[in-house]
Structures are given as C-alpha cells and as structure tokens.
C-alpha cells in the first residue's frame, strides 16, 4: 500500500483520517471559524484532519450559481487557514495552469470527479509534487482509476489518493457500490470515501444540485466497515443557508458523534483483522 503525506499526517498507515470543511469559501471569517472549530474537534478525538474548501466551484448547475471568491483571494484565505489554524489544507483545481500556483498555498490538490480523465490536468497536478486526491467520476468504473493515478504519477513524485463519491444511477441520483472501495484499495492506493457528495442529487433543484444529508452517516459507517483510509465530509455551521451544496452538507454539531461512531467501527475492524 502506497502512503500519502498531507501536511504532518500520513494517510494509509492504518489510522482513519478525515478531510472536512465547507464546500466553498463563502468568506474569510467563515472559513477561519469553521477551520478552527474543526481543528479543535479533531484534536480532541486525536484524528488526523485535513481542511477542505474550494476557491472556485467551476461545475455549478447554473451560470448564476455562487462559485467562490476566485483564485487570488481564495488562495490567500486558504494560506491563512494553514498559518492561523495550523492545519493542512486541500482544495480542487480545474485547469492545468492552476496546479502550480495553487500548490504554493495548500498541502494537497484535489481533482473533481468530472475531470478525473483529463490527462493534462492530472499530469500538471503530479508535477507539483503534492499529494493528489482524485475523485472517481460518477460514470467511471473503479478499476479505471488505476489509469488516472498513473497520469498523476507520470507528472512526477506526487502520491495519489482515490476517492469514491457515488456513481450515476439514472437521472438525478447517485448510488454507492461498496465493492468499488475494495477494488480501488486493491490497486494499491489509499482510498477516501466522500460521504456527503455521495448523497447528492445532481440537478435535482433545477438550477442547483439537491441532496439528502440524512443518509451520509449510514454510508460513512458502511465505508469504514469496508476499510477506507479516510472519510471526506463537507461541513457547515448552517447548511440550509450555505451558498453551495447545502442539502448534502453535515451540520457542524453532528460531526463529533458521527466521528466517534466511525472510530469505533474502525477499531472493531482492526481487531477482527
């Protein structure tokens, strides 16, 4: 099993790591507040934590949807999260030219699911030397993620994580095939399960995606039982007022009890071998 070093954390070493944060940067004060709250929570639980927020959501349903503050301001805010909150940061990139400048402000790069086959983007991410979390496309079979990983590796010395976020099931719905988690882990890379995007309902709200956050904890529990290396969850202190992905984001107050439950499942799985 290859390992991925994100900041001071090792993903794939047998501990359960968590990637969490709001979907998109709504403001500097909000991001710093969320990062500080999550840092304190995961320090109490002694869980490796990586903060996630997007500076730009380039694949919104509508041209009028909020996308974020943009690259220049967004990266300055994420750099403050690293400095002021002392946590490693991951964010997504959408074009090859973003890879190098974004890499200067964060600890890991993320490839959105719709872009997981984009060769130039993956190679450019690999050239940065940072760990790269590749989200499996909603239309991509898990076995095919080996080729996506090879594209990142062709760019240089970057380590790769593979992330499940649900598979297209008809129109406007996703389903999670838990077999895919085992298949991707057998490819030799750490596997991340995205619990909140997996309950998204793409385009269900007409000009925005819908979702049903009620099912995120159940899917997270199942994924940890299968044996993932990290859980990804988007978190907001007021999801119903969020500017992006509110229906599938978890309320901040529900995160700690869920993580405690996931840790018990993870520990039980370790004891059973």
Protein backbone atom coordinates (compact mmCIF):
# COMPACT_ATOMS: atom_id res chain seq x y z
CA UNK A 1 0.00 0.00 0.00
CA UNK A 2 1.37 3.39 -1.01
CA UNK A 3 1.12 6.13 1.60
CA UNK A 4 0.20 9.80 1.19
CA UNK A 5 1.72 12.54 3.35
CA UNK A 6 -0.60 15.55 3.72
CA UNK A 7 0.98 18.14 5.93
CA UNK A 8 2.09 16.23 9.00
CA UNK A 9 -0.42 13.40 8.50
CA UNK A 10 0.09 10.04 6.83
CA UNK A 11 -2.96 8.64 5.03
CA UNK A 12 -2.91 4.88 4.55
CA UNK A 13 -0.97 3.98 7.69
CA UNK A 14 -3.85 2.23 9.43
CA UNK A 15 -5.36 5.27 11.15
CA UNK A 16 -8.64 6.78 9.96
CA UNK A 17 -8.13 10.31 8.65
CA UNK A 18 -10.79 12.91 7.92
CA UNK A 19 -10.99 15.58 5.23
CA UNK A 20 -13.65 18.14 6.14
CA UNK A 21 -14.80 21.70 5.66
CA UNK A 22 -17.39 23.81 3.84
CA UNK A 23 -18.00 23.18 0.16
CA UNK A 24 -16.80 26.60 -0.95
CA UNK A 25 -15.18 29.66 0.61
CA UNK A 26 -18.09 31.93 1.50
CA UNK A 27 -15.98 34.50 3.34
CA UNK A 28 -12.63 34.66 5.09
CA UNK A 29 -14.22 34.92 8.52
CA UNK A 30 -16.49 31.93 7.91
CA UNK A 31 -13.68 29.70 6.65
CA UNK A 32 -11.40 30.60 9.55
CA UNK A 33 -14.21 29.99 12.03
CA UNK A 34 -15.02 26.59 10.52
CA UNK A 35 -11.36 25.57 10.31
CA UNK A 36 -10.74 26.49 13.93
CA UNK A 37 -13.85 24.65 15.14
CA UNK A 38 -12.97 21.52 13.18
CA UNK A 39 -9.33 21.65 14.29
CA UNK A 40 -10.39 21.68 17.93
CA UNK A 41 -12.84 18.83 17.39
CA UNK A 42 -10.35 16.54 15.67
CA UNK A 43 -7.58 17.36 18.12
CA UNK A 44 -9.86 16.20 20.94
CA UNK A 45 -10.55 12.99 19.06
CA UNK A 46 -6.87 12.56 18.07
CA UNK A 47 -7.87 12.10 14.43
CA UNK A 48 -5.65 13.25 11.53
CA UNK A 49 -7.52 16.16 9.94
CA UNK A 50 -7.17 17.97 6.62
CA UNK A 51 -9.26 21.09 5.96
CA UNK A 52 -11.09 21.39 2.65
CA UNK A 53 -12.77 24.34 0.95
CA UNK A 54 -12.93 25.38 -2.71
CA UNK A 55 -11.85 28.77 -4.00
CA UNK A 56 -13.86 28.15 -7.17
CA UNK A 57 -16.65 25.69 -7.97
CA UNK A 58 -16.36 25.57 -11.74
CA UNK A 59 -19.03 22.91 -12.32
CA UNK A 60 -22.11 24.52 -10.75
CA UNK A 61 -25.50 23.69 -12.27
CA UNK A 62 -26.29 27.29 -13.26
CA UNK A 63 -24.21 30.14 -14.62
CA UNK A 64 -25.79 32.26 -11.88
CA UNK A 65 -24.72 29.94 -9.02
CA UNK A 66 -22.18 31.16 -6.47
CA UNK A 67 -18.73 29.83 -7.37
CA UNK A 68 -16.46 31.27 -4.68
CA UNK A 69 -14.08 34.22 -4.31
CA UNK A 70 -11.79 33.18 -7.15
CA UNK A 71 -8.19 32.04 -7.23
CA UNK A 72 -6.24 35.05 -5.96
CA UNK A 73 -8.40 35.88 -2.94
CA UNK A 74 -9.31 32.24 -2.30
CA UNK A 75 -5.70 31.10 -2.09
CA UNK A 76 -4.84 33.97 0.25
CA UNK A 77 -7.66 32.82 2.54
CA UNK A 78 -6.55 29.18 2.43
CA UNK A 79 -2.98 30.24 3.21
CA UNK A 80 -4.35 31.99 6.32
CA UNK A 81 -6.09 28.77 7.36
CA UNK A 82 -2.75 26.96 7.25
CA UNK A 83 -0.96 29.74 9.14
CA UNK A 84 -3.57 30.78 11.70
CA UNK A 85 -5.25 27.43 12.38
CA UNK A 86 -2.21 25.21 11.89
CA UNK A 87 -3.97 22.58 9.78
CA UNK A 88 -3.10 21.10 6.37
CA UNK A 89 -5.35 22.23 3.53
CA UNK A 90 -6.64 20.62 0.34
CA UNK A 91 -8.53 22.32 -2.49
CA UNK A 92 -9.58 21.45 -6.01
CA UNK A 93 -8.16 22.60 -9.32
CA UNK A 94 -9.92 22.61 -12.66
CA UNK A 95 -7.30 23.55 -15.25
CA UNK A 96 -3.62 22.60 -15.72
CA UNK A 97 -2.46 26.21 -15.32
CA UNK A 98 -3.92 26.33 -11.80
CA UNK A 99 -1.80 23.47 -10.48
CA UNK A 100 1.50 25.27 -9.77
CA UNK A 101 0.14 28.46 -8.15
CA UNK A 102 -2.45 26.60 -6.09
CA UNK A 103 0.23 24.17 -4.87
CA UNK A 104 2.06 27.08 -3.24
CA UNK A 105 -0.87 27.77 -0.88
CA UNK A 106 -2.05 24.27 0.09
CA UNK A 107 -0.80 20.85 1.17
CA UNK A 108 -2.69 18.68 -1.33
CA UNK A 109 -4.62 19.03 -4.57
CA UNK A 110 -7.98 17.54 -5.45
CA UNK A 111 -9.26 16.58 -8.89
CA UNK A 112 -13.05 16.96 -9.30
CA UNK A 113 -14.93 13.85 -10.36
CA UNK A 114 -15.97 15.20 -13.75
CA UNK A 115 -12.29 15.85 -14.56
CA UNK A 116 -10.73 12.57 -13.43
CA UNK A 117 -9.89 11.55 -17.02
CA UNK A 118 -8.34 14.91 -18.04
CA UNK A 119 -4.76 13.90 -18.83
CA UNK A 120 -3.19 17.37 -18.91
CA UNK A 121 -4.80 18.30 -15.58
CA UNK A 122 -3.67 15.09 -13.86
CA UNK A 123 -0.11 15.34 -15.18
CA UNK A 124 0.11 19.00 -14.13
CA UNK A 125 -1.07 18.08 -10.63
CA UNK A 126 1.60 15.39 -10.48
CA UNK A 127 4.31 17.87 -11.43
CA UNK A 128 3.66 19.88 -8.24
CA UNK A 129 4.92 17.05 -6.03
CA UNK A 130 1.92 17.43 -3.71
CA UNK A 131 -0.42 14.57 -2.85
CA UNK A 132 -3.36 14.40 -5.27
CA UNK A 133 -6.82 13.19 -4.28
CA UNK A 134 -8.60 12.03 -7.44
CA UNK A 135 -12.36 11.83 -7.17
CA UNK A 136 -13.75 8.92 -9.18
CA UNK A 137 -16.05 10.15 -11.90
CA UNK A 138 -19.73 9.36 -11.48
CA UNK A 139 -19.55 7.42 -14.74
CA UNK A 140 -16.19 5.68 -14.20
CA UNK A 141 -15.65 2.11 -13.06
CA UNK A 142 -13.33 1.76 -10.06
CA UNK A 143 -10.78 -0.36 -11.97
CA UNK A 144 -10.22 2.52 -14.39
CA UNK A 145 -8.88 4.73 -11.61
CA UNK A 146 -5.55 2.94 -11.94
CA UNK A 147 -5.00 4.82 -15.20
CA UNK A 148 -5.96 8.14 -13.62
CA UNK A 149 -3.38 7.50 -10.89
CA UNK A 150 -0.74 6.64 -13.49
CA UNK A 151 -1.31 10.00 -15.19
CA UNK A 152 -0.56 11.83 -11.93
CA UNK A 153 2.49 9.66 -11.35
CA UNK A 154 3.69 10.40 -14.89
CA UNK A 155 3.97 14.04 -13.87
CA UNK A 156 6.46 13.46 -11.07
CA UNK A 157 6.72 12.38 -7.45
CA UNK A 158 3.19 13.07 -6.24
CA UNK A 159 1.39 10.48 -4.13
CA UNK A 160 -2.17 9.57 -5.07
CA UNK A 161 -5.40 9.02 -3.15
CA UNK A 162 -8.53 7.65 -4.83
CA UNK A 163 -11.90 8.99 -3.73
CA UNK A 164 -15.38 7.47 -4.13
CA UNK A 165 -18.26 9.96 -4.37
CA UNK A 166 -21.10 7.92 -5.83
CA UNK A 167 -21.99 6.57 -9.26
CA UNK A 168 -24.70 7.85 -11.60
CA UNK A 169 -27.92 5.90 -11.13
CA UNK A 170 -30.42 7.09 -13.69
CA UNK A 171 -31.11 10.82 -13.90
CA UNK A 172 -30.50 13.00 -10.84
CA UNK A 173 -29.44 10.24 -8.48
CA UNK A 174 -26.29 8.52 -7.23
CA UNK A 175 -25.64 5.11 -5.69
CA UNK A 176 -22.57 3.84 -3.84
CA UNK A 177 -21.27 0.40 -4.78
CA UNK A 178 -19.21 -0.58 -1.75
CA UNK A 179 -17.32 -3.11 -3.86
CA UNK A 180 -15.63 -0.17 -5.55
CA UNK A 181 -13.90 0.83 -2.32
CA UNK A 182 -12.26 -2.58 -2.04
CA UNK A 183 -11.41 -2.63 -5.74
CA UNK A 184 -9.67 0.75 -5.61
CA UNK A 185 -7.79 -0.15 -2.44
CA UNK A 186 -6.57 -3.31 -4.18
CA UNK A 187 -4.99 -1.01 -6.77
CA UNK A 188 -2.53 -0.07 -4.03
CA UNK A 189 -3.60 3.47 -3.19
CA UNK A 190 -5.18 4.96 -0.07
CA UNK A 191 -8.95 5.26 -0.54
CA UNK A 192 -11.12 8.15 0.60
CA UNK A 193 -14.90 7.93 0.91
CA UNK A 194 -16.82 11.14 0.24
CA UNK A 195 -19.88 10.68 2.42
CA UNK A 196 -21.64 13.95 1.60
CA UNK A 197 -21.29 14.14 -2.19
CA UNK A 198 -22.46 10.53 -2.32
CA UNK A 199 -25.90 11.67 -1.14
CA UNK A 200 -26.08 14.49 -3.67
CA UNK A 201 -28.97 14.57 -6.15
CA UNK A 202 -27.37 16.17 -9.22
CA UNK A 203 -29.51 18.90 -10.76
CA UNK A 204 -32.49 17.97 -8.59
CA UNK A 205 -33.16 21.56 -7.58
CA UNK A 206 -33.30 22.76 -11.19
CA UNK A 207 -30.59 25.42 -11.11
CA UNK A 208 -28.68 23.63 -8.34
CA UNK A 209 -27.99 20.15 -7.04
CA UNK A 210 -30.13 18.73 -4.29
CA UNK A 211 -29.22 16.11 -1.74
CA UNK A 212 -30.29 14.26 1.37
CA UNK A 213 -27.79 14.55 4.21
CA UNK A 214 -29.76 12.04 6.31
CA UNK A 215 -28.02 9.17 4.55
CA UNK A 216 -24.43 10.43 4.76
CA UNK A 217 -23.76 8.89 8.21
CA UNK A 218 -25.08 5.48 7.13
CA UNK A 219 -22.86 5.43 4.05
CA UNK A 220 -19.87 6.61 6.07
CA UNK A 221 -20.36 3.80 8.57
CA UNK A 222 -20.55 1.24 5.77
CA UNK A 223 -17.43 2.60 4.06
CA UNK A 224 -15.37 2.49 7.25
CA UNK A 225 -16.54 -1.08 7.81
CA UNK A 226 -15.31 -1.96 4.31
CA UNK A 227 -11.93 -0.46 5.14
CA UNK A 228 -11.26 3.02 3.77
CA UNK A 229 -8.29 5.12 4.82
CA UNK A 230 -10.08 8.44 5.12
CA UNK A 231 -13.57 9.91 5.16
CA UNK A 232 -14.38 13.12 3.33
CA UNK A 233 -17.32 15.21 4.51
CA UNK A 234 -18.42 18.72 3.75
CA UNK A 235 -19.47 20.51 6.93
CA UNK A 236 -21.21 23.82 7.58
CA UNK A 237 -22.44 25.55 10.71
CA UNK A 238 -25.73 26.37 8.92
CA UNK A 239 -26.11 24.07 5.89
CA UNK A 240 -29.57 25.35 4.95
CA UNK A 241 -28.09 28.82 4.46
CA UNK A 242 -24.95 27.60 2.63
CA UNK A 243 -24.16 29.08 -0.77
CA UNK A 244 -23.30 25.69 -2.31
CA UNK A 245 -24.22 22.04 -1.62
CA UNK A 246 -26.25 22.85 1.47
CA UNK A 247 -28.68 19.90 1.15
CA UNK A 248 -25.92 17.32 1.43
CA UNK A 249 -23.56 19.06 3.89
CA UNK A 250 -23.47 17.93 7.51
CA UNK A 251 -24.22 20.39 10.31
CA UNK A 252 -21.16 21.10 12.42
CA UNK A 253 -22.90 19.91 15.58
CA UNK A 254 -23.44 16.42 14.15
CA UNK A 255 -19.83 15.75 13.21
CA UNK A 256 -18.32 14.74 16.56
CA UNK A 257 -20.83 11.98 17.43
CA UNK A 258 -20.52 10.59 13.90
CA UNK A 259 -16.72 10.54 14.03
CA UNK A 260 -16.79 8.80 17.41
CA UNK A 261 -19.01 6.14 15.88
CA UNK A 262 -16.75 5.77 12.84
CA UNK A 263 -13.72 5.35 15.09
CA UNK A 264 -15.45 2.55 16.99
CA UNK A 265 -16.21 0.77 13.70
CA UNK A 266 -12.65 1.33 12.50
CA UNK A 267 -11.20 -0.03 15.74
CA UNK A 268 -13.51 -3.06 15.67
CA UNK A 269 -12.49 -3.80 12.11
CA UNK A 270 -8.83 -3.61 13.09
CA UNK A 271 -9.34 -6.04 15.95
CA UNK A 272 -11.11 -8.51 13.68
CA UNK A 273 -8.25 -8.42 11.21
